[in-house]
Amino acid sequence: MILFFVSKGLTFIMDNFHQNILDNAIRIINEEAQAIKQLAEYVDKDFAMAVDTIFASKGRVIVTGIGKSAIIGQKIVATFNSTGTPAVFMHAADAIHGDLGIVQADDTVICISKSGSTPEIKVLVPLLLDRGSKLIAMVSNVDSFLAKHAHYVLKAVIEREACPNNLAPTTSTTAQMVLGDALAVCLLEKRGFTRDDFAKVHPGGALGKQLYLRVSDLFKVNSRPQVFEDTSLNDTIYEISSKRLGATAVVNPEGKMVGFITDGDIRRMLQRGTILEGLTARQIMSPRPKTIKVDDMAISAFQMMEEYKITQLAVVDHDDYYIGMVHIHDILKEGIV
């Protein structure tokens, strides 16, 4: 009995301990969400001018910072590059020890700093201005050294960090990242950056392949199973088995599809006890097969397979002539989904 009460007491303590963790997590998320919402109040003409300056620039965007701001700067650079704005990261400490040569005459510099008054920033800013660079500050302290010397100020203003000591960069870095995303997307829209443009800079991985990989890139490696309407059941089964795609198209003498037969169709026919002798492809085919055009996107083929719960699609050309078959394994192998 004593052990029972001790166990219940420990469970109660652990449950309360976990609840405290959950309460803290929810508080932090809500605090940061509220700070981001308030950030919209600080988006002003300087933000618009910064976008125009970057858009009109013949050079790149150089993003610099120190500490946690430097890490956010690297993320912003990655977002810029993937959405059509050439960008390079330059660490503020390294810049004053030789890396300042990264900055060229036509480049625009974004300097990220919560306080805007760290020693490295105070050294770096005059050097950038001496090189004639357009300087965009992203700061929380709008009265800082950086803000006062920049051409445009992006106000990443927060009331306090989510850290209980108001020390660890938490809310401030979230605000910086959101402002960076806002810059990148505004520039994307101003450039008219399209899905095709996105695919060109994301050729690898699921996103890029969804945007550029077509059915024509997949089906050619497969065999092309096909039978005619009067082909016997035995020959039809052999065609399906030998071509290893689990199905065959049924075509007319001109090569246009008139039906489709899967190995599942044959299994179901056997389960019903159908007399097989004398059957032809015409008698067992599905007369309205699902097809996909050769130039359609591969992701469209996958979505069609998912919708109709099938694993292969007949591929047809622009005149609806049967030219091959694409299997779901072809799509999965490419890592599209």
C-alpha atoms as a PDB file:
ATOM      1  CA  MET A   1       0.000   0.000   0.000  1.00  0.00           C
ATOM      2  CA  ILE A   2       2.834   2.383   0.863  1.00  0.00           C
ATOM      3  CA  LEU A   3       4.502   1.634  -2.456  1.00  0.00           C
ATOM      4  CA  PHE A   4       1.216   2.419  -4.220  1.00  0.00           C
ATOM      5  CA  PHE A   5       0.979   5.899  -2.658  1.00  0.00           C
ATOM      6  CA  VAL A   6       4.662   6.607  -3.346  1.00  0.00           C
ATOM      7  CA  SER A   7       4.135   5.623  -6.981  1.00  0.00           C
ATOM      8  CA  LYS A   8       1.029   7.801  -7.289  1.00  0.00           C
ATOM      9  CA  GLY A   9       2.908  10.707  -5.698  1.00  0.00           C
ATOM     10  CA  LEU A  10       5.809  10.404  -8.128  1.00  0.00           C
ATOM     11  CA  THR A  11       3.387  10.246 -11.049  1.00  0.00           C
ATOM     12  CA  PHE A  12       1.655  13.399  -9.799  1.00  0.00           C
ATOM     13  CA  ILE A  13       5.004  15.211  -9.471  1.00  0.00           C
ATOM     14  CA  MET A  14       6.127  14.129 -12.953  1.00  0.00           C
ATOM     15  CA  ASP A  15       2.797  15.156 -14.486  1.00  0.00           C
ATOM     16  CA  ASN A  16       3.128  18.604 -12.914  1.00  0.00           C
ATOM     17  CA  PHE A  17       6.727  18.829 -14.102  1.00  0.00           C
ATOM     18  CA  HIS A  18       5.693  18.031 -17.662  1.00  0.00           C
ATOM     19  CA  GLN A  19       2.815  20.506 -17.457  1.00  0.00           C
ATOM     20  CA  ASN A  20       5.248  23.253 -16.472  1.00  0.00           C
ATOM     21  CA  ILE A  21       7.343  22.440 -19.547  1.00  0.00           C
ATOM     22  CA  LEU A  22       4.279  22.568 -21.792  1.00  0.00           C
ATOM     23  CA  ASP A  23       3.111  25.851 -20.229  1.00  0.00           C
ATOM     24  CA  ASN A  24       6.528  27.402 -20.841  1.00  0.00           C
ATOM     25  CA  ALA A  25       6.631  26.210 -24.437  1.00  0.00           C
ATOM     26  CA  ILE A  26       3.171  27.645 -25.131  1.00  0.00           C
ATOM     27  CA  ARG A  27       4.111  30.938 -23.455  1.00  0.00           C
ATOM     28  CA  ILE A  28       7.265  31.268 -25.566  1.00  0.00           C
ATOM     29  CA  ILE A  29       5.433  30.491 -28.804  1.00  0.00           C
ATOM     30  CA  ASN A  30       2.681  33.004 -27.984  1.00  0.00           C
ATOM     31  CA  GLU A  31       5.200  35.694 -27.023  1.00  0.00           C
ATOM     32  CA  GLU A  32       7.141  35.301 -30.254  1.00  0.00           C
ATOM     33  CA  ALA A  33       3.942  35.178 -32.317  1.00  0.00           C
ATOM     34  CA  GLN A  34       2.764  38.417 -30.734  1.00  0.00           C
ATOM     35  CA  ALA A  35       6.132  40.054 -31.385  1.00  0.00           C
ATOM     36  CA  ILE A  36       5.966  39.086 -35.065  1.00  0.00           C
ATOM     37  CA  LYS A  37       2.442  40.448 -35.315  1.00  0.00           C
ATOM     38  CA  GLN A  38       3.600  43.782 -33.892  1.00  0.00           C
ATOM     39  CA  LEU A  39       6.504  43.813 -36.343  1.00  0.00           C
ATOM     40  CA  ALA A  40       4.060  44.777 -39.107  1.00  0.00           C
ATOM     41  CA  GLU A  41       3.646  48.182 -37.424  1.00  0.00           C
ATOM     42  CA  TYR A  42       7.312  48.997 -38.146  1.00  0.00           C
ATOM     43  CA  VAL A  43       7.294  48.239 -41.864  1.00  0.00           C
ATOM     44  CA  ASP A  44       7.586  51.665 -43.458  1.00  0.00           C
ATOM     45  CA  LYS A  45       8.965  53.569 -46.437  1.00  0.00           C
ATOM     46  CA  ASP A  46      12.509  52.471 -45.630  1.00  0.00           C
ATOM     47  CA  PHE A  47      11.491  48.864 -46.248  1.00  0.00           C
ATOM     48  CA  ALA A  48      10.065  49.779 -49.669  1.00  0.00           C
ATOM     49  CA  MET A  49      13.175  51.787 -50.524  1.00  0.00           C
ATOM     50  CA  ALA A  50      15.389  48.860 -49.485  1.00  0.00           C
ATOM     51  CA  VAL A  51      13.496  46.563 -51.848  1.00  0.00           C
ATOM     52  CA  ASP A  52      13.786  49.090 -54.692  1.00  0.00           C
ATOM     53  CA  THR A  53      17.523  49.539 -54.019  1.00  0.00           C
ATOM     54  CA  ILE A  54      18.233  45.809 -54.111  1.00  0.00           C
ATOM     55  CA  PHE A  55      16.071  45.334 -57.196  1.00  0.00           C
ATOM     56  CA  ALA A  56      17.810  48.148 -59.086  1.00  0.00           C
ATOM     57  CA  SER A  57      21.305  47.058 -58.053  1.00  0.00           C
ATOM     58  CA  LYS A  58      23.592  45.587 -60.698  1.00  0.00           C
ATOM     59  CA  GLY A  59      25.525  43.731 -58.015  1.00  0.00           C
ATOM     60  CA  ARG A  60      24.734  41.237 -55.285  1.00  0.00           C
ATOM     61  CA  VAL A  61      23.313  41.512 -51.804  1.00  0.00           C
ATOM     62  CA  ILE A  62      26.003  41.106 -49.141  1.00  0.00           C
ATOM     63  CA  VAL A  63      24.479  40.076 -45.819  1.00  0.00           C
ATOM     64  CA  THR A  64      26.597  40.499 -42.709  1.00  0.00           C
ATOM     65  CA  GLY A  65      26.232  40.153 -38.964  1.00  0.00           C
ATOM     66  CA  ILE A  66      27.795  38.606 -35.886  1.00  0.00           C
ATOM     67  CA  GLY A  67      26.707  35.998 -33.371  1.00  0.00           C
ATOM     68  CA  LYS A  68      23.148  34.681 -33.748  1.00  0.00           C
ATOM     69  CA  SER A  69      22.413  37.463 -36.235  1.00  0.00           C
ATOM     70  CA  ALA A  70      25.116  35.992 -38.467  1.00  0.00           C
ATOM     71  CA  ILE A  71      23.330  32.640 -38.451  1.00  0.00           C
ATOM     72  CA  ILE A  72      20.064  34.348 -39.438  1.00  0.00           C
ATOM     73  CA  GLY A  73      22.002  36.200 -42.130  1.00  0.00           C
ATOM     74  CA  GLN A  74      23.101  32.908 -43.663  1.00  0.00           C
ATOM     75  CA  LYS A  75      19.495  31.741 -43.795  1.00  0.00           C
ATOM     76  CA  ILE A  76      18.438  35.005 -45.470  1.00  0.00           C
ATOM     77  CA  VAL A  77      21.223  34.598 -48.050  1.00  0.00           C
ATOM     78  CA  ALA A  78      19.981  31.082 -48.828  1.00  0.00           C
ATOM     79  CA  THR A  79      16.427  32.362 -49.292  1.00  0.00           C
ATOM     80  CA  PHE A  80      17.587  35.208 -51.541  1.00  0.00           C
ATOM     81  CA  ASN A  81      19.617  32.891 -53.760  1.00  0.00           C
ATOM     82  CA  SER A  82      16.777  30.404 -54.109  1.00  0.00           C
ATOM     83  CA  THR A  83      14.282  33.086 -55.123  1.00  0.00           C
ATOM     84  CA  GLY A  84      16.265  34.976 -57.751  1.00  0.00           C
ATOM     85  CA  THR A  85      18.266  37.531 -55.749  1.00  0.00           C
ATOM     86  CA  PRO A  86      22.035  36.799 -55.867  1.00  0.00           C
ATOM     87  CA  ALA A  87      23.439  37.054 -52.348  1.00  0.00           C
ATOM     88  CA  VAL A  88      26.622  36.311 -50.374  1.00  0.00           C
ATOM     89  CA  PHE A  89      27.177  36.032 -46.621  1.00  0.00           C
ATOM     90  CA  MET A  90      30.101  37.888 -45.018  1.00  0.00           C
ATOM     91  CA  HIS A  91      30.766  37.481 -41.294  1.00  0.00           C
ATOM     92  CA  ALA A  92      31.224  40.897 -39.674  1.00  0.00           C
ATOM     93  CA  ALA A  93      34.279  39.820 -37.661  1.00  0.00           C
ATOM     94  CA  ASP A  94      35.967  38.291 -40.708  1.00  0.00           C
ATOM     95  CA  ALA A  95      35.131  41.359 -42.783  1.00  0.00           C
ATOM     96  CA  ILE A  96      37.469  43.559 -40.753  1.00  0.00           C
ATOM     97  CA  HIS A  97      40.216  40.951 -41.087  1.00  0.00           C
ATOM     98  CA  GLY A  98      40.321  40.634 -44.856  1.00  0.00           C
ATOM     99  CA  ASP A  99      36.901  39.481 -46.056  1.00  0.00           C
ATOM    100  CA  LEU A 100      35.813  43.035 -46.824  1.00  0.00           C
ATOM    101  CA  GLY A 101      37.147  42.348 -50.324  1.00  0.00           C
ATOM    102  CA  ILE A 102      33.944  40.371 -50.928  1.00  0.00           C
ATOM    103  CA  VAL A 103      32.085  43.671 -51.284  1.00  0.00           C
ATOM    104  CA  GLN A 104      32.185  45.067 -54.830  1.00  0.00           C
ATOM    105  CA  ALA A 105      31.214  48.478 -56.129  1.00  0.00           C
ATOM    106  CA  ASP A 106      27.659  47.626 -57.195  1.00  0.00           C
ATOM    107  CA  ASP A 107      26.780  45.465 -54.185  1.00  0.00           C
ATOM    108  CA  THR A 108      24.197  46.348 -51.552  1.00  0.00           C
ATOM    109  CA  VAL A 109      24.962  45.433 -47.932  1.00  0.00           C
ATOM    110  CA  ILE A 110      22.432  44.336 -45.333  1.00  0.00           C
ATOM    111  CA  CYS A 111      23.892  44.507 -41.834  1.00  0.00           C
ATOM    112  CA  ILE A 112      21.960  42.585 -39.167  1.00  0.00           C
ATOM    113  CA  SER A 113      22.376  43.420 -35.490  1.00  0.00           C
ATOM    114  CA  LYS A 114      19.965  43.558 -32.580  1.00  0.00           C
ATOM    115  CA  SER A 115      21.804  46.307 -30.711  1.00  0.00           C
ATOM    116  CA  GLY A 116      23.421  47.915 -33.753  1.00  0.00           C
ATOM    117  CA  SER A 117      26.344  49.005 -31.585  1.00  0.00           C
ATOM    118  CA  THR A 118      28.701  46.045 -31.160  1.00  0.00           C
ATOM    119  CA  PRO A 119      32.437  46.828 -31.574  1.00  0.00           C
ATOM    120  CA  GLU A 120      32.657  44.878 -34.842  1.00  0.00           C
ATOM    121  CA  ILE A 121      29.703  46.764 -36.315  1.00  0.00           C
ATOM    122  CA  LYS A 122      31.154  50.125 -35.282  1.00  0.00           C
ATOM    123  CA  VAL A 123      34.377  49.284 -37.108  1.00  0.00           C
ATOM    124  CA  LEU A 124      32.708  47.766 -40.157  1.00  0.00           C
ATOM    125  CA  VAL A 125      30.078  50.416 -40.949  1.00  0.00           C
ATOM    126  CA  PRO A 126      32.492  53.281 -41.808  1.00  0.00           C
ATOM    127  CA  LEU A 127      34.541  50.914 -43.973  1.00  0.00           C
ATOM    128  CA  LEU A 128      31.438  49.935 -45.942  1.00  0.00           C
ATOM    129  CA  LEU A 129      30.389  53.556 -46.387  1.00  0.00           C
ATOM    130  CA  ASP A 130      33.883  54.504 -47.541  1.00  0.00           C
ATOM    131  CA  ARG A 131      33.556  51.887 -50.299  1.00  0.00           C
ATOM    132  CA  GLY A 132      30.385  53.604 -51.482  1.00  0.00           C
ATOM    133  CA  SER A 133      28.118  50.710 -50.548  1.00  0.00           C
ATOM    134  CA  LYS A 134      24.407  51.197 -50.067  1.00  0.00           C
ATOM    135  CA  LEU A 135      23.882  50.101 -46.469  1.00  0.00           C
ATOM    136  CA  ILE A 136      20.638  48.617 -45.180  1.00  0.00           C
ATOM    137  CA  ALA A 137      20.423  48.114 -41.414  1.00  0.00           C
ATOM    138  CA  MET A 138      18.244  45.466 -39.799  1.00  0.00           C
ATOM    139  CA  VAL A 139      18.145  46.424 -36.121  1.00  0.00           C
ATOM    140  CA  SER A 140      15.978  46.331 -33.047  1.00  0.00           C
ATOM    141  CA  ASN A 141      17.521  49.498 -31.582  1.00  0.00           C
ATOM    142  CA  VAL A 142      16.588  52.221 -34.075  1.00  0.00           C
ATOM    143  CA  ASP A 143      18.726  54.781 -32.204  1.00  0.00           C
ATOM    144  CA  SER A 144      21.877  52.697 -32.557  1.00  0.00           C
ATOM    145  CA  PHE A 145      25.137  53.516 -34.334  1.00  0.00           C
ATOM    146  CA  LEU A 146      24.208  51.217 -37.211  1.00  0.00           C
ATOM    147  CA  ALA A 147      20.726  52.674 -37.650  1.00  0.00           C
ATOM    148  CA  LYS A 148      22.001  56.244 -37.655  1.00  0.00           C
ATOM    149  CA  HIS A 149      24.598  55.568 -40.373  1.00  0.00           C
ATOM    150  CA  ALA A 150      22.585  53.288 -42.675  1.00  0.00           C
ATOM    151  CA  HIS A 151      20.823  54.510 -45.799  1.00  0.00           C
ATOM    152  CA  TYR A 152      17.692  52.534 -44.903  1.00  0.00           C
ATOM    153  CA  VAL A 153      16.588  50.952 -41.629  1.00  0.00           C
ATOM    154  CA  LEU A 154      14.546  47.761 -41.355  1.00  0.00           C
ATOM    155  CA  LYS A 155      13.074  47.871 -37.870  1.00  0.00           C
ATOM    156  CA  ALA A 156      13.229  44.428 -36.244  1.00  0.00           C
ATOM    157  CA  VAL A 157      11.858  45.958 -33.061  1.00  0.00           C
ATOM    158  CA  ILE A 158      10.921  43.709 -30.130  1.00  0.00           C
ATOM    159  CA  GLU A 159       9.943  44.487 -26.553  1.00  0.00           C
ATOM    160  CA  ARG A 160      11.913  41.638 -24.976  1.00  0.00           C
ATOM    161  CA  GLU A 161      13.413  38.232 -25.666  1.00  0.00           C
ATOM    162  CA  ALA A 162      11.455  35.070 -24.911  1.00  0.00           C
ATOM    163  CA  CYS A 163      14.358  34.070 -22.661  1.00  0.00           C
ATOM    164  CA  PRO A 164      13.263  34.613 -19.009  1.00  0.00           C
ATOM    165  CA  ASN A 165      16.463  36.618 -18.423  1.00  0.00           C
ATOM    166  CA  ASN A 166      15.789  38.716 -21.538  1.00  0.00           C
ATOM    167  CA  LEU A 167      19.277  37.799 -22.755  1.00  0.00           C
ATOM    168  CA  ALA A 168      19.404  34.859 -25.179  1.00  0.00           C
ATOM    169  CA  PRO A 169      18.553  35.926 -28.756  1.00  0.00           C
ATOM    170  CA  THR A 170      15.159  34.316 -29.345  1.00  0.00           C
ATOM    171  CA  THR A 171      12.396  36.716 -30.295  1.00  0.00           C
ATOM    172  CA  SER A 172      14.916  39.089 -31.878  1.00  0.00           C
ATOM    173  CA  THR A 173      16.294  36.440 -34.250  1.00  0.00           C
ATOM    174  CA  THR A 174      12.762  35.346 -35.149  1.00  0.00           C
ATOM    175  CA  ALA A 175      11.949  38.955 -36.066  1.00  0.00           C
ATOM    176  CA  GLN A 176      15.099  39.190 -38.208  1.00  0.00           C
ATOM    177  CA  MET A 177      14.250  36.000 -40.063  1.00  0.00           C
ATOM    178  CA  VAL A 178      10.689  37.149 -40.775  1.00  0.00           C
ATOM    179  CA  LEU A 179      11.904  40.501 -42.117  1.00  0.00           C
ATOM    180  CA  GLY A 180      14.389  38.641 -44.321  1.00  0.00           C
ATOM    181  CA  ASP A 181      11.593  36.456 -45.681  1.00  0.00           C
ATOM    182  CA  ALA A 182       9.490  39.549 -46.343  1.00  0.00           C
ATOM    183  CA  LEU A 183      12.366  41.129 -48.289  1.00  0.00           C
ATOM    184  CA  ALA A 184      12.969  37.990 -50.343  1.00  0.00           C
ATOM    185  CA  VAL A 185       9.317  37.486 -51.261  1.00  0.00           C
ATOM    186  CA  CYS A 186       8.802  41.157 -52.144  1.00  0.00           C
ATOM    187  CA  LEU A 187      11.814  40.937 -54.455  1.00  0.00           C
ATOM    188  CA  LEU A 188      10.556  37.650 -55.882  1.00  0.00           C
ATOM    189  CA  GLU A 189       7.246  39.272 -56.800  1.00  0.00           C
ATOM    190  CA  LYS A 190       8.932  42.393 -58.156  1.00  0.00           C
ATOM    191  CA  ARG A 191      11.114  40.228 -60.429  1.00  0.00           C
ATOM    192  CA  GLY A 192       8.158  38.166 -61.604  1.00  0.00           C
ATOM    193  CA  PHE A 193       9.995  35.051 -60.415  1.00  0.00           C
ATOM    194  CA  THR A 194       7.938  32.083 -61.667  1.00  0.00           C
ATOM    195  CA  ARG A 195       7.627  28.379 -60.891  1.00  0.00           C
ATOM    196  CA  ASP A 196       9.870  27.658 -63.860  1.00  0.00           C
ATOM    197  CA  ASP A 197      12.506  30.044 -62.510  1.00  0.00           C
ATOM    198  CA  PHE A 198      12.260  28.307 -59.154  1.00  0.00           C
ATOM    199  CA  ALA A 199      12.809  24.931 -60.807  1.00  0.00           C
ATOM    200  CA  LYS A 200      15.993  26.189 -62.497  1.00  0.00           C
ATOM    201  CA  VAL A 201      17.630  26.954 -59.160  1.00  0.00           C
ATOM    202  CA  HIS A 202      16.222  23.845 -57.439  1.00  0.00           C
ATOM    203  CA  PRO A 203      17.087  21.088 -59.922  1.00  0.00           C
ATOM    204  CA  GLY A 204      17.651  18.534 -57.175  1.00  0.00           C
ATOM    205  CA  GLY A 205      15.273  17.384 -54.496  1.00  0.00           C
ATOM    206  CA  ALA A 206      11.520  16.949 -54.433  1.00  0.00           C
ATOM    207  CA  LEU A 207      10.604  20.608 -54.998  1.00  0.00           C
ATOM    208  CA  GLY A 208      12.659  21.015 -58.134  1.00  0.00           C
ATOM    209  CA  LYS A 209      11.632  17.683 -59.609  1.00  0.00           C
ATOM    210  CA  GLN A 210       7.962  18.445 -59.076  1.00  0.00           C
ATOM    211  CA  LEU A 211       8.453  21.569 -61.154  1.00  0.00           C
ATOM    212  CA  TYR A 212      10.526  20.247 -64.054  1.00  0.00           C
ATOM    213  CA  LEU A 213      10.346  16.442 -64.279  1.00  0.00           C
ATOM    214  CA  ARG A 214       7.915  15.271 -66.955  1.00  0.00           C
ATOM    215  CA  VAL A 215       6.388  11.936 -67.871  1.00  0.00           C
ATOM    216  CA  SER A 216       8.650  11.903 -70.930  1.00  0.00           C
ATOM    217  CA  ASP A 217      11.662  11.731 -68.594  1.00  0.00           C
ATOM    218  CA  LEU A 218      10.381   8.556 -66.949  1.00  0.00           C
ATOM    219  CA  PHE A 219       8.522   6.208 -69.239  1.00  0.00           C
ATOM    220  CA  LYS A 220      11.243   5.635 -71.866  1.00  0.00           C
ATOM    221  CA  VAL A 221      13.229   3.342 -69.592  1.00  0.00           C
ATOM    222  CA  ASN A 222      10.266   0.952 -69.388  1.00  0.00           C
ATOM    223  CA  SER A 223       9.154  -1.700 -71.827  1.00  0.00           C
ATOM    224  CA  ARG A 224       5.959  -1.038 -73.777  1.00  0.00           C
ATOM    225  CA  PRO A 225       3.458  -3.842 -73.098  1.00  0.00           C
ATOM    226  CA  GLN A 226       0.637  -3.973 -75.622  1.00  0.00           C
ATOM    227  CA  VAL A 227      -1.800  -6.486 -77.141  1.00  0.00           C
ATOM    228  CA  PHE A 228      -4.586  -6.294 -79.706  1.00  0.00           C
ATOM    229  CA  GLU A 229      -8.266  -6.809 -79.017  1.00  0.00           C
ATOM    230  CA  ASP A 230      -8.228 -10.336 -80.415  1.00  0.00           C
ATOM    231  CA  THR A 231      -5.107 -11.429 -78.514  1.00  0.00           C
ATOM    232  CA  SER A 232      -5.747 -14.588 -76.501  1.00  0.00           C
ATOM    233  CA  LEU A 233      -5.824 -14.566 -72.731  1.00  0.00           C
ATOM    234  CA  ASN A 234      -2.686 -16.719 -72.551  1.00  0.00           C
ATOM    235  CA  ASP A 235      -0.739 -14.321 -74.750  1.00  0.00           C
ATOM    236  CA  THR A 236      -2.088 -11.372 -72.772  1.00  0.00           C
ATOM    237  CA  ILE A 237      -0.905 -12.891 -69.499  1.00  0.00           C
ATOM    238  CA  TYR A 238       2.507 -13.559 -71.060  1.00  0.00           C
ATOM    239  CA  GLU A 239       2.761  -9.929 -72.233  1.00  0.00           C
ATOM    240  CA  ILE A 240       1.952  -8.614 -68.768  1.00  0.00           C
ATOM    241  CA  SER A 241       4.364 -11.017 -67.083  1.00  0.00           C
ATOM    242  CA  SER A 242       7.275 -10.569 -69.500  1.00  0.00           C
ATOM    243  CA  LYS A 243       7.161  -6.751 -69.502  1.00  0.00           C
ATOM    244  CA  ARG A 244       7.092  -6.598 -65.669  1.00  0.00           C
ATOM    245  CA  LEU A 245       4.837  -3.554 -65.312  1.00  0.00           C
ATOM    246  CA  GLY A 246       1.767  -5.366 -64.036  1.00  0.00           C
ATOM    247  CA  ALA A 247      -0.420  -4.296 -66.949  1.00  0.00           C
ATOM    248  CA  THR A 248      -0.744  -4.004 -70.709  1.00  0.00           C
ATOM    249  CA  ALA A 249      -2.412  -1.604 -73.094  1.00  0.00           C
ATOM    250  CA  VAL A 250      -4.929  -2.897 -75.619  1.00  0.00           C
ATOM    251  CA  VAL A 251      -4.543  -1.104 -78.942  1.00  0.00           C
ATOM    252  CA  ASN A 252      -6.228  -1.131 -82.327  1.00  0.00           C
ATOM    253  CA  PRO A 253      -4.248  -1.764 -85.542  1.00  0.00           C
ATOM    254  CA  GLU A 254      -3.488   1.969 -85.820  1.00  0.00           C
ATOM    255  CA  GLY A 255      -1.894   2.018 -82.368  1.00  0.00           C
ATOM    256  CA  LYS A 256      -4.571   3.940 -80.467  1.00  0.00           C
ATOM    257  CA  MET A 257      -5.618   2.640 -77.083  1.00  0.00           C
ATOM    258  CA  VAL A 258      -8.982   0.953 -76.773  1.00  0.00           C
ATOM    259  CA  GLY A 259      -8.489  -0.641 -73.365  1.00  0.00           C
ATOM    260  CA  PHE A 260      -6.228  -1.565 -70.476  1.00  0.00           C
ATOM    261  CA  ILE A 261      -5.669  -4.803 -68.571  1.00  0.00           C
ATOM    262  CA  THR A 262      -3.899  -5.180 -65.233  1.00  0.00           C
ATOM    263  CA  ASP A 263      -2.811  -8.332 -63.467  1.00  0.00           C
ATOM    264  CA  GLY A 264      -5.409  -7.386 -60.848  1.00  0.00           C
ATOM    265  CA  ASP A 265      -8.146  -7.633 -63.491  1.00  0.00           C
ATOM    266  CA  ILE A 266      -7.069 -11.200 -64.266  1.00  0.00           C
ATOM    267  CA  ARG A 267      -6.880 -12.192 -60.578  1.00  0.00           C
ATOM    268  CA  ARG A 268     -10.385 -10.888 -59.934  1.00  0.00           C
ATOM    269  CA  MET A 269     -11.658 -12.768 -62.972  1.00  0.00           C
ATOM    270  CA  LEU A 270     -10.157 -15.986 -61.603  1.00  0.00           C
ATOM    271  CA  GLN A 271     -11.697 -15.356 -58.178  1.00  0.00           C
ATOM    272  CA  ARG A 272     -15.134 -15.051 -59.798  1.00  0.00           C
ATOM    273  CA  GLY A 273     -14.655 -18.482 -61.388  1.00  0.00           C
ATOM    274  CA  THR A 274     -14.830 -17.146 -64.949  1.00  0.00           C
ATOM    275  CA  ILE A 275     -14.277 -19.773 -67.651  1.00  0.00           C
ATOM    276  CA  LEU A 276     -10.978 -18.761 -69.249  1.00  0.00           C
ATOM    277  CA  GLU A 277     -10.980 -20.873 -72.384  1.00  0.00           C
ATOM    278  CA  GLY A 278     -11.377 -18.848 -75.565  1.00  0.00           C
ATOM    279  CA  LEU A 279     -11.238 -15.423 -73.872  1.00  0.00           C
ATOM    280  CA  THR A 280      -9.543 -12.535 -75.666  1.00  0.00           C
ATOM    281  CA  ALA A 281      -8.196  -9.197 -74.509  1.00  0.00           C
ATOM    282  CA  ARG A 282     -11.377  -7.460 -75.671  1.00  0.00           C
ATOM    283  CA  GLN A 283     -13.480  -9.468 -73.195  1.00  0.00           C
ATOM    284  CA  ILE A 284     -11.412  -8.674 -70.115  1.00  0.00           C
ATOM    285  CA  MET A 285     -10.076  -5.160 -70.749  1.00  0.00           C
ATOM    286  CA  SER A 286     -11.252  -1.956 -69.089  1.00  0.00           C
ATOM    287  CA  PRO A 287     -12.608   0.036 -72.049  1.00  0.00           C
ATOM    288  CA  ARG A 288     -11.984   3.518 -70.623  1.00  0.00           C
ATOM    289  CA  PRO A 289      -8.375   3.442 -69.418  1.00  0.00           C
ATOM    290  CA  LYS A 290      -6.709   6.270 -67.517  1.00  0.00           C
ATOM    291  CA  THR A 291      -3.983   7.871 -69.632  1.00  0.00           C
ATOM    292  CA  ILE A 292      -1.531  10.720 -69.301  1.00  0.00           C
ATOM    293  CA  LYS A 293       0.067  12.891 -71.974  1.00  0.00           C
ATOM    294  CA  VAL A 294       3.763  12.466 -72.634  1.00  0.00           C
ATOM    295  CA  ASP A 295       4.540  16.132 -71.805  1.00  0.00           C
ATOM    296  CA  ASP A 296       2.521  16.243 -68.576  1.00  0.00           C
ATOM    297  CA  MET A 297       4.379  16.751 -65.315  1.00  0.00           C
ATOM    298  CA  ALA A 298       5.455  13.624 -63.470  1.00  0.00           C
ATOM    299  CA  ILE A 299       3.813  14.925 -60.295  1.00  0.00           C
ATOM    300  CA  SER A 300       0.494  15.025 -62.194  1.00  0.00           C
ATOM    301  CA  ALA A 301       0.909  11.325 -62.989  1.00  0.00           C
ATOM    302  CA  PHE A 302       1.483  10.594 -59.307  1.00  0.00           C
ATOM    303  CA  GLN A 303      -1.561  12.615 -58.260  1.00  0.00           C
ATOM    304  CA  MET A 304      -3.714  10.745 -60.801  1.00  0.00           C
ATOM    305  CA  MET A 305      -2.448   7.399 -59.500  1.00  0.00           C
ATOM    306  CA  GLU A 306      -3.276   8.425 -55.953  1.00  0.00           C
ATOM    307  CA  GLU A 307      -6.736   9.649 -56.919  1.00  0.00           C
ATOM    308  CA  TYR A 308      -7.723   6.464 -58.758  1.00  0.00           C
ATOM    309  CA  LYS A 309      -5.765   4.055 -56.514  1.00  0.00           C
ATOM    310  CA  ILE A 310      -3.731   2.652 -59.418  1.00  0.00           C
ATOM    311  CA  THR A 311      -0.025   1.955 -59.862  1.00  0.00           C
ATOM    312  CA  GLN A 312       0.505   2.508 -63.587  1.00  0.00           C
ATOM    313  CA  LEU A 313      -0.669   4.829 -66.338  1.00  0.00           C
ATOM    314  CA  ALA A 314      -0.619   4.465 -70.107  1.00  0.00           C
ATOM    315  CA  VAL A 315       1.335   7.264 -71.785  1.00  0.00           C
ATOM    316  CA  VAL A 316      -0.093   8.736 -74.986  1.00  0.00           C
ATOM    317  CA  ASP A 317       1.172  11.349 -77.435  1.00  0.00           C
ATOM    318  CA  HIS A 318      -0.695  14.475 -78.516  1.00  0.00           C
ATOM    319  CA  ASP A 319      -2.755  12.437 -80.982  1.00  0.00           C
ATOM    320  CA  ASP A 320      -3.661   9.874 -78.307  1.00  0.00           C
ATOM    321  CA  TYR A 321      -1.451   7.132 -79.728  1.00  0.00           C
ATOM    322  CA  TYR A 322      -0.134   4.743 -77.103  1.00  0.00           C
ATOM    323  CA  ILE A 323       3.638   5.140 -76.659  1.00  0.00           C
ATOM    324  CA  GLY A 324       4.449   3.538 -73.307  1.00  0.00           C
ATOM    325  CA  MET A 325       3.693   3.176 -69.641  1.00  0.00           C
ATOM    326  CA  VAL A 326       4.766   4.916 -66.438  1.00  0.00           C
ATOM    327  CA  HIS A 327       4.737   3.074 -63.109  1.00  0.00           C
ATOM    328  CA  ILE A 328       4.462   4.569 -59.632  1.00  0.00           C
ATOM    329  CA  HIS A 329       7.884   3.104 -58.816  1.00  0.00           C
ATOM    330  CA  ASP A 330       9.397   5.307 -61.543  1.00  0.00           C
ATOM    331  CA  ILE A 331       8.097   8.385 -59.722  1.00  0.00           C
ATOM    332  CA  LEU A 332       9.012   7.251 -56.221  1.00  0.00           C
ATOM    333  CA  LYS A 333      12.523   6.373 -57.379  1.00  0.00           C
ATOM    334  CA  GLU A 334      13.036   9.996 -58.440  1.00  0.00           C
ATOM    335  CA  GLY A 335      12.139  11.243 -54.954  1.00  0.00           C
ATOM    336  CA  ILE A 336       9.398  13.555 -56.184  1.00  0.00           C
ATOM    337  CA  VAL A 337       7.194  12.796 -53.192  1.00  0.00           C
END
